[in-house]
N, C-alpha and C. Protein backbone atom coordinates (compact mmCIF):
# COMPACT_ATOMS: atom_id res chain seq x y z
N MET A 1 -62.68 29.92 103.00
CA MET A 1 -62.60 28.42 103.39
C MET A 1 -61.31 28.27 104.29
N GLY A 2 -61.42 27.82 105.53
CA GLY A 2 -60.33 27.49 106.47
C GLY A 2 -59.52 26.47 106.01
N THR A 3 -58.21 26.46 106.78
CA THR A 3 -57.31 25.31 106.68
C THR A 3 -57.92 24.10 107.27
N LYS A 4 -57.86 22.95 106.55
CA LYS A 4 -58.47 21.77 107.05
C LYS A 4 -57.47 20.90 107.96
N ALA A 5 -57.89 20.21 108.85
CA ALA A 5 -57.03 19.34 109.59
C ALA A 5 -57.13 17.97 109.02
N ASP A 6 -57.04 17.95 107.66
CA ASP A 6 -57.21 16.49 107.01
C ASP A 6 -55.85 15.77 107.37
N PRO A 7 -55.78 14.46 107.29
CA PRO A 7 -54.67 13.75 107.55
C PRO A 7 -53.46 14.16 106.76
N GLU A 8 -53.57 14.56 105.45
CA GLU A 8 -52.40 15.09 104.82
C GLU A 8 -51.76 16.27 105.37
N MET A 9 -52.51 17.24 105.76
CA MET A 9 -52.11 18.47 106.31
C MET A 9 -51.55 18.29 107.74
N VAL A 10 -52.18 17.35 108.45
CA VAL A 10 -51.58 16.96 109.83
C VAL A 10 -50.25 16.20 109.71
N GLU A 11 -50.13 15.35 108.66
CA GLU A 11 -48.91 14.50 108.55
C GLU A 11 -47.72 15.33 108.11
N ARG A 12 -47.89 16.46 107.35
CA ARG A 12 -46.86 17.43 106.94
C ARG A 12 -46.19 17.92 108.18
N HIS A 13 -46.69 17.83 109.37
CA HIS A 13 -46.23 18.46 110.66
C HIS A 13 -45.54 17.34 111.56
N ARG A 14 -45.51 16.14 111.07
CA ARG A 14 -44.96 15.00 111.95
C ARG A 14 -43.49 15.35 112.44
N ALA A 15 -42.63 15.76 111.51
CA ALA A 15 -41.14 16.08 112.02
C ALA A 15 -41.28 17.13 112.82
N TYR A 16 -41.86 18.19 112.65
CA TYR A 16 -41.93 19.35 113.54
C TYR A 16 -42.40 18.90 115.00
N LEU A 17 -43.46 18.14 115.13
CA LEU A 17 -43.91 17.64 116.16
C LEU A 17 -42.88 16.66 117.10
N ALA A 18 -42.14 15.87 116.11
CA ALA A 18 -41.24 15.06 116.67
C ALA A 18 -40.06 15.92 117.37
N ALA A 19 -39.56 16.89 116.73
CA ALA A 19 -38.60 17.77 117.37
C ALA A 19 -39.06 18.31 118.52
N LEU A 20 -40.36 18.75 118.62
CA LEU A 20 -40.80 19.38 119.82
C LEU A 20 -41.07 18.39 120.93
N ALA A 21 -41.30 17.15 120.44
CA ALA A 21 -41.45 15.98 121.53
C ALA A 21 -40.07 15.66 122.11
N ARG A 22 -39.17 15.48 121.17
CA ARG A 22 -37.85 15.24 121.73
C ARG A 22 -37.26 16.21 122.70
N LEU A 23 -37.54 17.56 122.39
CA LEU A 23 -37.14 18.63 123.41
C LEU A 23 -37.84 18.33 124.71
N GLN A 24 -39.03 18.08 124.70
CA GLN A 24 -39.85 17.98 125.89
C GLN A 24 -39.25 16.73 126.68
N LEU A 25 -38.97 15.59 125.99
CA LEU A 25 -38.52 14.38 126.63
C LEU A 25 -37.07 14.61 127.20
N ALA A 26 -36.29 15.57 126.37
CA ALA A 26 -34.85 15.68 126.87
C ALA A 26 -34.92 16.48 128.12
N ALA A 27 -35.88 17.34 128.48
CA ALA A 27 -36.09 18.09 129.60
C ALA A 27 -36.58 17.14 130.67
N ARG A 28 -36.95 15.96 130.49
CA ARG A 28 -37.59 15.03 131.52
C ARG A 28 -36.92 13.74 131.25
N PRO A 29 -35.59 13.55 131.54
CA PRO A 29 -34.73 12.39 131.30
C PRO A 29 -35.38 11.13 131.93
N TRP A 30 -36.10 11.36 133.12
CA TRP A 30 -36.53 10.22 133.82
C TRP A 30 -37.67 9.52 133.09
N LEU A 31 -38.36 10.23 132.11
CA LEU A 31 -39.57 9.65 131.36
C LEU A 31 -38.98 8.91 130.04
N ALA A 32 -37.56 9.25 129.65
CA ALA A 32 -37.15 8.82 128.44
C ALA A 32 -37.27 7.14 128.34
N PRO A 33 -37.01 6.41 129.55
CA PRO A 33 -36.94 4.95 129.34
C PRO A 33 -38.62 4.45 129.07
N ARG A 34 -39.52 5.25 129.46
CA ARG A 34 -40.84 4.89 129.48
C ARG A 34 -41.63 5.36 128.23
N LEU A 35 -41.04 6.37 127.54
CA LEU A 35 -41.73 7.01 126.41
C LEU A 35 -40.82 7.55 125.41
N ASP A 36 -41.21 7.24 124.06
CA ASP A 36 -40.31 7.70 123.13
C ASP A 36 -41.01 8.74 122.23
N ALA A 37 -40.30 9.64 121.70
CA ALA A 37 -40.93 10.79 121.06
C ALA A 37 -41.83 10.44 119.91
N SER A 38 -41.36 9.31 119.21
CA SER A 38 -42.18 8.85 118.14
C SER A 38 -43.53 8.19 118.49
N ASP A 39 -43.43 7.61 119.67
CA ASP A 39 -44.84 7.17 120.29
C ASP A 39 -45.78 8.43 120.61
N LEU A 40 -45.23 9.25 121.16
CA LEU A 40 -45.93 10.45 121.59
C LEU A 40 -46.43 11.09 120.36
N VAL A 41 -45.58 11.28 119.31
CA VAL A 41 -46.14 11.87 118.10
C VAL A 41 -47.16 11.11 117.47
N GLN A 42 -47.15 9.98 117.41
CA GLN A 42 -48.20 8.88 116.93
C GLN A 42 -49.42 9.14 117.68
N GLN A 43 -49.35 9.16 119.02
CA GLN A 43 -50.60 9.57 119.73
C GLN A 43 -51.26 10.86 119.48
N VAL A 44 -50.42 11.82 119.17
CA VAL A 44 -50.77 13.22 118.81
C VAL A 44 -51.49 13.10 117.33
N MET A 45 -50.92 12.42 116.43
CA MET A 45 -51.60 12.18 114.95
C MET A 45 -52.84 11.52 115.26
N LEU A 46 -53.03 10.47 116.19
CA LEU A 46 -54.23 9.80 116.33
C LEU A 46 -55.30 10.77 116.90
N ASN A 47 -55.01 11.53 117.98
CA ASN A 47 -55.80 12.33 118.69
C ASN A 47 -56.34 13.37 117.70
N ALA A 48 -55.33 13.88 116.81
CA ALA A 48 -55.64 15.03 115.83
C ALA A 48 -56.72 14.32 114.85
N HIS A 49 -56.44 13.10 114.28
CA HIS A 49 -57.39 12.49 113.42
C HIS A 49 -58.68 12.48 113.99
N GLU A 50 -58.83 11.92 115.23
CA GLU A 50 -60.21 11.76 115.94
C GLU A 50 -60.79 13.19 116.20
N ALA A 51 -60.04 14.08 116.32
CA ALA A 51 -60.77 15.50 116.69
C ALA A 51 -60.73 16.38 115.52
N ARG A 52 -60.54 15.95 114.33
CA ARG A 52 -60.28 16.88 113.19
C ARG A 52 -61.50 17.70 112.86
N ALA A 53 -62.73 17.29 113.21
CA ALA A 53 -63.83 17.92 113.04
C ALA A 53 -63.94 19.23 114.01
N GLU A 54 -63.27 19.15 114.97
CA GLU A 54 -63.15 20.20 116.14
C GLU A 54 -62.35 21.40 115.64
N PHE A 55 -61.53 21.07 114.73
CA PHE A 55 -60.44 22.11 114.36
C PHE A 55 -61.32 23.42 113.62
N ARG A 56 -61.17 24.59 114.10
CA ARG A 56 -61.75 25.63 113.67
C ARG A 56 -60.90 26.80 113.05
N GLY A 57 -59.63 26.36 112.75
CA GLY A 57 -58.52 27.41 112.35
C GLY A 57 -58.79 27.71 110.97
N ASP A 58 -58.10 28.87 110.50
CA ASP A 58 -58.05 29.19 109.13
C ASP A 58 -56.81 29.32 108.42
N THR A 59 -55.69 29.13 109.23
CA THR A 59 -54.43 29.24 108.71
C THR A 59 -53.47 28.04 109.19
N PRO A 60 -52.44 27.88 108.50
CA PRO A 60 -51.44 26.79 108.91
C PRO A 60 -50.89 27.08 110.31
N GLY A 61 -50.78 28.35 110.55
CA GLY A 61 -50.22 28.65 111.99
C GLY A 61 -51.19 28.18 113.03
N GLU A 62 -52.35 28.39 112.79
CA GLU A 62 -53.49 27.94 113.64
C GLU A 62 -53.47 26.29 113.77
N LEU A 63 -53.32 25.65 112.60
CA LEU A 63 -53.17 24.28 112.75
C LEU A 63 -52.05 23.76 113.57
N VAL A 64 -50.84 24.47 113.27
CA VAL A 64 -49.58 24.08 114.06
C VAL A 64 -49.96 24.27 115.67
N ALA A 65 -50.58 25.53 116.01
CA ALA A 65 -50.94 25.74 117.44
C ALA A 65 -51.91 24.65 117.92
N TRP A 66 -52.73 24.18 117.19
CA TRP A 66 -53.64 23.27 117.61
C TRP A 66 -52.98 21.85 117.79
N LEU A 67 -52.11 21.50 116.91
CA LEU A 67 -51.27 20.30 117.06
C LEU A 67 -50.44 20.37 118.20
N ARG A 68 -49.79 21.61 118.43
CA ARG A 68 -48.94 21.83 119.74
C ARG A 68 -49.78 21.56 120.98
N LYS A 69 -51.00 22.06 121.00
CA LYS A 69 -51.89 21.89 122.10
C LYS A 69 -52.24 20.32 122.34
N ILE A 70 -52.43 19.70 121.30
CA ILE A 70 -52.71 18.16 121.42
C ILE A 70 -51.46 17.64 121.96
N LEU A 71 -50.28 17.99 121.53
CA LEU A 71 -49.16 17.30 121.98
C LEU A 71 -48.94 17.83 123.55
N ASN A 72 -49.29 18.88 123.85
CA ASN A 72 -49.06 19.29 125.30
C ASN A 72 -49.97 18.24 126.07
N HIS A 73 -51.31 18.12 125.69
CA HIS A 73 -52.17 17.28 126.41
C HIS A 73 -51.78 15.88 126.48
N ALA A 74 -51.36 15.34 125.42
CA ALA A 74 -50.67 14.00 125.31
C ALA A 74 -49.58 13.83 126.25
N LEU A 75 -48.67 14.74 126.22
CA LEU A 75 -47.55 14.72 127.24
C LEU A 75 -47.97 14.93 128.50
N ALA A 76 -48.82 15.70 128.92
CA ALA A 76 -49.33 16.00 130.19
C ALA A 76 -50.10 14.43 130.68
N ASN A 77 -50.89 13.91 129.83
CA ASN A 77 -51.51 12.69 130.15
C ASN A 77 -50.56 11.60 130.36
N ARG A 78 -49.49 11.53 129.75
CA ARG A 78 -48.62 10.46 129.93
C ARG A 78 -47.79 10.57 131.09
N ILE A 79 -47.33 11.92 131.42
CA ILE A 79 -46.62 12.18 132.65
C ILE A 79 -47.63 11.81 133.82
N ARG A 80 -48.82 12.24 133.76
CA ARG A 80 -49.77 12.00 134.88
C ARG A 80 -49.81 10.43 135.08
N HIS A 81 -49.86 9.76 133.97
CA HIS A 81 -50.11 8.16 133.94
C HIS A 81 -48.91 7.62 134.60
N GLU A 82 -47.73 8.18 134.20
CA GLU A 82 -46.35 7.57 134.68
C GLU A 82 -46.13 7.82 136.17
N THR A 83 -46.65 9.13 136.61
CA THR A 83 -46.34 9.35 137.91
C THR A 83 -47.55 9.07 138.91
N GLN A 84 -48.56 8.72 138.24
CA GLN A 84 -49.87 8.45 138.95
C GLN A 84 -50.09 9.45 140.10
N ALA A 85 -49.76 10.78 139.64
CA ALA A 85 -49.83 11.93 140.56
C ALA A 85 -51.29 12.52 140.35
N ARG A 86 -51.75 13.21 141.42
CA ARG A 86 -53.02 13.98 141.17
C ARG A 86 -52.68 15.20 140.13
N ARG A 87 -53.87 15.72 139.56
CA ARG A 87 -53.64 16.61 138.64
C ARG A 87 -52.93 17.90 139.28
N ASP A 88 -51.99 18.40 138.59
CA ASP A 88 -51.17 19.49 139.00
C ASP A 88 -51.26 20.65 138.05
N ILE A 89 -52.02 21.55 138.16
CA ILE A 89 -52.30 22.67 137.15
C ILE A 89 -51.05 23.38 136.94
N GLY A 90 -50.26 23.60 137.88
CA GLY A 90 -49.03 24.27 137.68
C GLY A 90 -48.17 23.59 136.76
N ALA A 91 -47.96 22.18 136.96
CA ALA A 91 -47.21 21.43 136.01
C ALA A 91 -47.75 21.49 134.63
N GLU A 92 -49.03 21.55 134.41
CA GLU A 92 -49.55 21.47 133.05
C GLU A 92 -49.26 22.77 132.42
N ARG A 93 -49.37 24.02 133.21
CA ARG A 93 -49.08 25.15 132.68
C ARG A 93 -47.51 25.31 132.22
N SER A 94 -46.81 24.61 133.13
CA SER A 94 -45.38 24.55 132.95
C SER A 94 -45.16 23.91 131.64
N LEU A 95 -45.85 22.71 131.40
CA LEU A 95 -45.54 22.01 130.12
C LEU A 95 -46.04 22.83 128.95
N GLU A 96 -47.06 23.67 129.01
CA GLU A 96 -47.53 24.52 128.03
C GLU A 96 -46.46 25.61 127.72
N VAL A 97 -45.88 26.15 128.76
CA VAL A 97 -44.87 27.27 128.50
C VAL A 97 -43.54 26.70 128.06
N ASP A 98 -43.24 25.45 128.45
CA ASP A 98 -41.98 24.64 127.86
C ASP A 98 -42.42 24.42 126.42
N LEU A 99 -43.39 23.93 126.11
CA LEU A 99 -43.67 23.64 124.62
C LEU A 99 -43.53 24.75 123.75
N GLU A 100 -44.34 25.75 124.29
CA GLU A 100 -44.33 27.06 123.57
C GLU A 100 -42.94 27.65 123.32
N ALA A 101 -42.15 27.60 124.46
CA ALA A 101 -40.75 28.10 124.38
C ALA A 101 -40.01 27.30 123.34
N SER A 102 -40.06 25.99 123.35
CA SER A 102 -39.38 25.08 122.48
C SER A 102 -39.78 25.32 121.12
N SER A 103 -41.07 25.51 120.86
CA SER A 103 -41.58 25.96 119.44
C SER A 103 -40.94 27.30 119.02
N CYS A 104 -40.89 28.25 120.01
CA CYS A 104 -40.42 29.50 119.59
C CYS A 104 -38.81 29.54 119.33
N ARG A 105 -38.07 28.66 120.05
CA ARG A 105 -36.70 28.45 119.69
C ARG A 105 -36.48 27.90 118.62
N LEU A 106 -37.28 26.80 118.10
CA LEU A 106 -37.17 26.02 116.90
C LEU A 106 -37.43 27.12 115.70
N ASP A 107 -38.55 27.86 115.89
CA ASP A 107 -38.93 28.87 114.72
C ASP A 107 -37.82 29.88 114.84
N ALA A 108 -37.32 30.24 115.78
CA ALA A 108 -36.10 31.31 115.82
C ALA A 108 -34.84 30.93 114.97
N TRP A 109 -34.84 29.55 114.81
CA TRP A 109 -33.67 29.28 113.90
C TRP A 109 -33.95 29.86 112.42
N LEU A 110 -35.21 30.26 112.14
CA LEU A 110 -35.65 30.68 110.77
C LEU A 110 -35.41 32.12 110.76
N ALA A 111 -35.68 32.84 109.82
CA ALA A 111 -35.52 34.15 109.49
C ALA A 111 -36.44 35.08 110.46
N ALA A 112 -36.00 36.35 110.49
CA ALA A 112 -36.53 37.18 111.49
C ALA A 112 -38.08 37.73 111.27
N ASP A 113 -38.18 38.99 111.26
CA ASP A 113 -39.54 39.64 111.40
C ASP A 113 -40.37 39.50 110.00
N GLN A 114 -41.19 38.48 109.91
CA GLN A 114 -41.90 38.41 108.64
C GLN A 114 -43.35 38.59 109.06
N THR A 115 -44.01 39.52 108.15
CA THR A 115 -45.36 39.93 108.59
C THR A 115 -46.53 39.60 107.69
N SER A 116 -46.19 39.50 106.33
CA SER A 116 -47.23 39.23 105.42
C SER A 116 -47.75 37.80 105.45
N PRO A 117 -48.91 37.55 105.12
CA PRO A 117 -49.35 36.02 105.07
C PRO A 117 -48.45 35.10 104.34
N SER A 118 -47.89 35.66 103.04
CA SER A 118 -47.06 34.73 102.38
C SER A 118 -45.74 34.57 103.06
N GLU A 119 -45.26 35.57 103.56
CA GLU A 119 -44.06 35.37 104.44
C GLU A 119 -44.14 34.39 105.57
N ARG A 120 -45.33 34.60 106.13
CA ARG A 120 -45.71 33.61 107.36
C ARG A 120 -45.74 32.22 106.77
N ALA A 121 -46.32 31.95 105.78
CA ALA A 121 -46.57 30.66 105.09
C ALA A 121 -45.08 30.18 104.74
N GLN A 122 -44.17 31.00 104.22
CA GLN A 122 -42.87 30.49 103.84
C GLN A 122 -42.13 30.15 105.07
N LYS A 123 -42.20 30.93 106.16
CA LYS A 123 -41.58 30.57 107.37
C LYS A 123 -42.05 29.33 107.99
N HIS A 124 -43.43 29.11 107.94
CA HIS A 124 -43.85 27.78 108.37
C HIS A 124 -43.46 26.70 107.52
N GLU A 125 -43.37 26.82 106.25
CA GLU A 125 -42.75 25.84 105.30
C GLU A 125 -41.34 25.60 105.67
N ARG A 126 -40.52 26.55 105.92
CA ARG A 126 -39.19 26.39 106.36
C ARG A 126 -39.08 25.72 107.72
N ALA A 127 -39.90 26.00 108.65
CA ALA A 127 -39.82 25.24 109.92
C ALA A 127 -40.05 23.82 109.65
N THR A 128 -41.16 23.57 108.87
CA THR A 128 -41.51 22.06 108.68
C THR A 128 -40.24 21.44 107.82
N THR A 129 -39.64 22.13 107.00
CA THR A 129 -38.50 21.52 106.20
C THR A 129 -37.33 21.28 107.16
N LEU A 130 -37.06 22.35 108.09
CA LEU A 130 -36.05 22.28 109.09
C LEU A 130 -36.35 21.00 110.11
N ALA A 131 -37.39 20.97 110.48
CA ALA A 131 -37.88 19.82 111.42
C ALA A 131 -37.60 18.50 110.78
N ALA A 132 -37.99 18.37 109.56
CA ALA A 132 -37.83 17.05 108.69
C ALA A 132 -36.37 16.84 108.69
N ALA A 133 -35.54 17.81 108.46
CA ALA A 133 -34.11 17.62 108.42
C ALA A 133 -33.51 17.35 109.56
N VAL A 134 -33.73 17.90 110.77
CA VAL A 134 -33.41 17.60 112.04
C VAL A 134 -33.68 16.24 112.47
N ASP A 135 -34.99 15.74 112.04
CA ASP A 135 -35.36 14.49 112.22
C ASP A 135 -34.51 13.49 111.60
N ALA A 136 -33.97 13.67 110.48
CA ALA A 136 -33.21 12.85 109.64
C ALA A 136 -31.78 12.57 110.21
N LEU A 137 -31.26 13.45 111.15
CA LEU A 137 -30.03 13.25 111.79
C LEU A 137 -30.04 12.07 112.51
N PRO A 138 -28.64 11.52 112.56
CA PRO A 138 -28.47 10.27 113.62
C PRO A 138 -28.92 10.75 115.00
N ASP A 139 -29.35 9.93 115.79
CA ASP A 139 -29.93 10.29 117.18
C ASP A 139 -28.95 11.08 118.19
N ASP A 140 -27.67 10.96 117.99
CA ASP A 140 -26.80 11.49 119.07
C ASP A 140 -26.57 12.91 118.31
N GLN A 141 -26.55 13.11 117.23
CA GLN A 141 -26.39 14.45 116.63
C GLN A 141 -27.57 15.25 116.58
N ARG A 142 -28.76 14.63 116.54
CA ARG A 142 -30.13 15.44 116.63
C ARG A 142 -30.23 15.89 118.06
N ALA A 143 -29.94 15.04 119.01
CA ALA A 143 -29.98 15.39 120.43
C ALA A 143 -29.18 16.45 120.97
N VAL A 144 -27.96 16.56 120.33
CA VAL A 144 -26.93 17.63 120.64
C VAL A 144 -27.35 19.01 119.97
N VAL A 145 -27.79 18.89 118.68
CA VAL A 145 -28.33 20.06 117.99
C VAL A 145 -29.56 20.70 118.65
N LEU A 146 -30.40 19.84 119.14
CA LEU A 146 -31.65 20.31 119.69
C LEU A 146 -31.31 20.84 121.08
N LEU A 147 -30.46 20.17 121.81
CA LEU A 147 -30.25 20.78 123.13
C LEU A 147 -29.45 22.14 123.06
N LYS A 148 -28.59 22.19 122.07
CA LYS A 148 -27.75 23.55 121.87
C LYS A 148 -28.65 24.64 121.38
N HIS A 149 -29.29 24.32 120.21
CA HIS A 149 -30.04 25.41 119.46
C HIS A 149 -31.54 25.60 119.95
N CYS A 150 -32.16 24.62 120.54
CA CYS A 150 -33.49 24.96 120.92
C CYS A 150 -33.69 25.06 122.36
N GLN A 151 -32.78 24.38 123.07
CA GLN A 151 -32.82 24.67 124.49
C GLN A 151 -31.85 25.61 125.01
N GLY A 152 -30.93 25.95 124.25
CA GLY A 152 -29.95 27.02 124.61
C GLY A 152 -28.86 26.56 125.59
N LEU A 153 -28.68 25.35 125.68
CA LEU A 153 -27.66 24.82 126.78
C LEU A 153 -26.17 24.98 126.17
N THR A 154 -25.27 25.05 127.07
CA THR A 154 -23.90 25.37 126.57
C THR A 154 -23.42 23.97 126.51
N LEU A 155 -22.16 23.82 125.92
CA LEU A 155 -21.56 22.68 125.52
C LEU A 155 -21.22 21.93 126.79
N ALA A 156 -20.73 22.55 127.93
CA ALA A 156 -20.64 21.94 129.21
C ALA A 156 -21.90 21.28 129.83
N GLU A 157 -23.03 22.01 129.62
CA GLU A 157 -24.24 21.45 130.03
C GLU A 157 -24.82 20.34 129.24
N ILE A 158 -24.45 20.36 127.91
CA ILE A 158 -24.90 19.19 127.06
C ILE A 158 -24.03 17.98 127.42
N ALA A 159 -22.79 18.34 127.65
CA ALA A 159 -21.95 17.16 128.03
C ALA A 159 -22.22 16.55 129.31
N ALA A 160 -22.56 17.44 130.27
CA ALA A 160 -23.07 16.85 131.57
C ALA A 160 -24.35 15.95 131.41
N GLN A 161 -25.17 16.51 130.57
CA GLN A 161 -26.57 15.79 130.40
C GLN A 161 -26.47 14.44 129.63
N THR A 162 -25.35 14.42 128.56
CA THR A 162 -25.17 13.16 127.74
C THR A 162 -24.13 12.29 128.18
N ASP A 163 -23.43 12.70 129.24
CA ASP A 163 -22.32 11.77 129.66
C ASP A 163 -21.32 11.80 128.59
N ARG A 164 -20.98 12.94 127.99
CA ARG A 164 -19.87 13.05 127.09
C ARG A 164 -18.96 14.13 127.41
N THR A 165 -17.77 14.16 126.92
CA THR A 165 -16.91 15.37 127.02
C THR A 165 -17.46 16.49 126.20
N PRO A 166 -17.04 17.75 126.59
CA PRO A 166 -17.39 18.92 125.90
C PRO A 166 -16.80 18.78 124.39
N ALA A 167 -15.59 18.24 124.22
CA ALA A 167 -14.98 18.04 123.01
C ALA A 167 -15.94 17.18 122.14
N ALA A 168 -16.38 16.01 122.60
CA ALA A 168 -17.22 15.09 121.94
C ALA A 168 -18.44 15.69 121.48
N VAL A 169 -19.21 16.60 122.57
CA VAL A 169 -20.31 17.38 122.02
C VAL A 169 -20.07 18.37 120.96
N ALA A 170 -19.02 18.96 121.07
CA ALA A 170 -18.63 20.00 119.88
C ALA A 170 -18.46 19.27 118.66
N GLY A 171 -17.97 18.13 118.70
CA GLY A 171 -17.73 17.25 117.29
C GLY A 171 -19.12 16.88 117.00
N LEU A 172 -20.00 16.40 117.75
CA LEU A 172 -21.26 15.96 117.45
C LEU A 172 -22.13 17.07 116.72
N LEU A 173 -21.90 18.11 117.53
CA LEU A 173 -22.60 19.33 117.16
C LEU A 173 -22.13 19.85 115.69
N ARG A 174 -20.89 19.95 115.30
CA ARG A 174 -20.29 20.20 114.23
C ARG A 174 -20.78 19.43 113.05
N ARG A 175 -20.71 18.11 113.18
CA ARG A 175 -21.17 17.02 112.31
C ARG A 175 -22.63 17.23 112.05
N GLY A 176 -23.37 17.47 113.04
CA GLY A 176 -24.90 17.46 112.93
C GLY A 176 -25.26 18.72 112.17
N LEU A 177 -24.41 19.79 112.40
CA LEU A 177 -24.92 21.05 111.55
C LEU A 177 -24.44 21.02 110.05
N ALA A 178 -23.30 20.34 109.96
CA ALA A 178 -22.78 20.18 108.67
C ALA A 178 -23.77 19.23 107.79
N ARG A 179 -24.31 18.15 108.48
CA ARG A 179 -25.31 17.32 107.86
C ARG A 179 -26.58 18.04 107.62
N LEU A 180 -27.02 18.98 108.38
CA LEU A 180 -28.10 19.87 108.19
C LEU A 180 -28.03 20.67 106.98
N ARG A 181 -26.81 21.37 106.81
CA ARG A 181 -26.51 22.23 105.67
C ARG A 181 -26.62 21.28 104.57
N GLU A 182 -26.22 20.05 104.46
CA GLU A 182 -26.25 19.07 103.29
C GLU A 182 -27.70 18.79 103.05
N LEU A 183 -28.50 18.54 103.96
CA LEU A 183 -29.95 18.26 103.83
C LEU A 183 -30.81 19.41 103.32
N LEU A 184 -30.43 20.69 103.88
CA LEU A 184 -31.20 21.77 103.49
C LEU A 184 -30.62 22.56 102.29
N GLY A 185 -29.48 22.10 101.95
CA GLY A 185 -28.82 22.82 100.71
C GLY A 185 -28.32 24.10 101.27
N GLU A 186 -27.11 24.48 100.70
CA GLU A 186 -26.29 25.71 101.22
C GLU A 186 -27.27 26.89 101.42
N GLY A 187 -28.02 27.17 100.25
CA GLY A 187 -28.87 28.46 100.32
C GLY A 187 -29.90 28.62 101.28
N ASN A 188 -30.38 27.29 101.81
CA ASN A 188 -31.46 27.22 102.68
C ASN A 188 -31.05 27.14 104.18
N THR A 189 -29.71 27.30 104.54
CA THR A 189 -29.42 27.29 105.91
C THR A 189 -30.11 28.06 106.80
N PRO A 190 -30.61 27.64 108.08
CA PRO A 190 -31.29 28.41 108.91
C PRO A 190 -30.33 29.35 109.57
């Protein structure tokens, strides 16, 4: 019996999707005044609920990939709506690549090479837990942590993007990571 895309299973990934949505919106600051990550995630949840009968996966990883695909489509549709531009296949492929890269960087916070099904399930569970912890951070700390650890930006790049000094960014990053350690418990730090 395969993994079901029932509302409870989908809901478990809300924080993970929110983290990915924030990363995508951070890369498109012109869209931020028009679209909030929580609105985008809510649209993904609605789309997933409506299309749950179409899900044919067998694993939690396939469910996550399916949800990322829905997120990609929702973001592409919103960008298309906001820009009222013709369909640009290159831009949509770029969105898919960006989303996959963001997902990989978020997953890379977690432990290395795990191959057994139980290890993959544990890794996925840790990714979900980490995403929920990141989601619980204050907005400014969350933004800095995601820009640093998921987008790989330097402190100077983050400072320029957020209109803060590098020292202020370093302080936010330090407090954000300390709060993550508290939320995850010392033994569960990524």
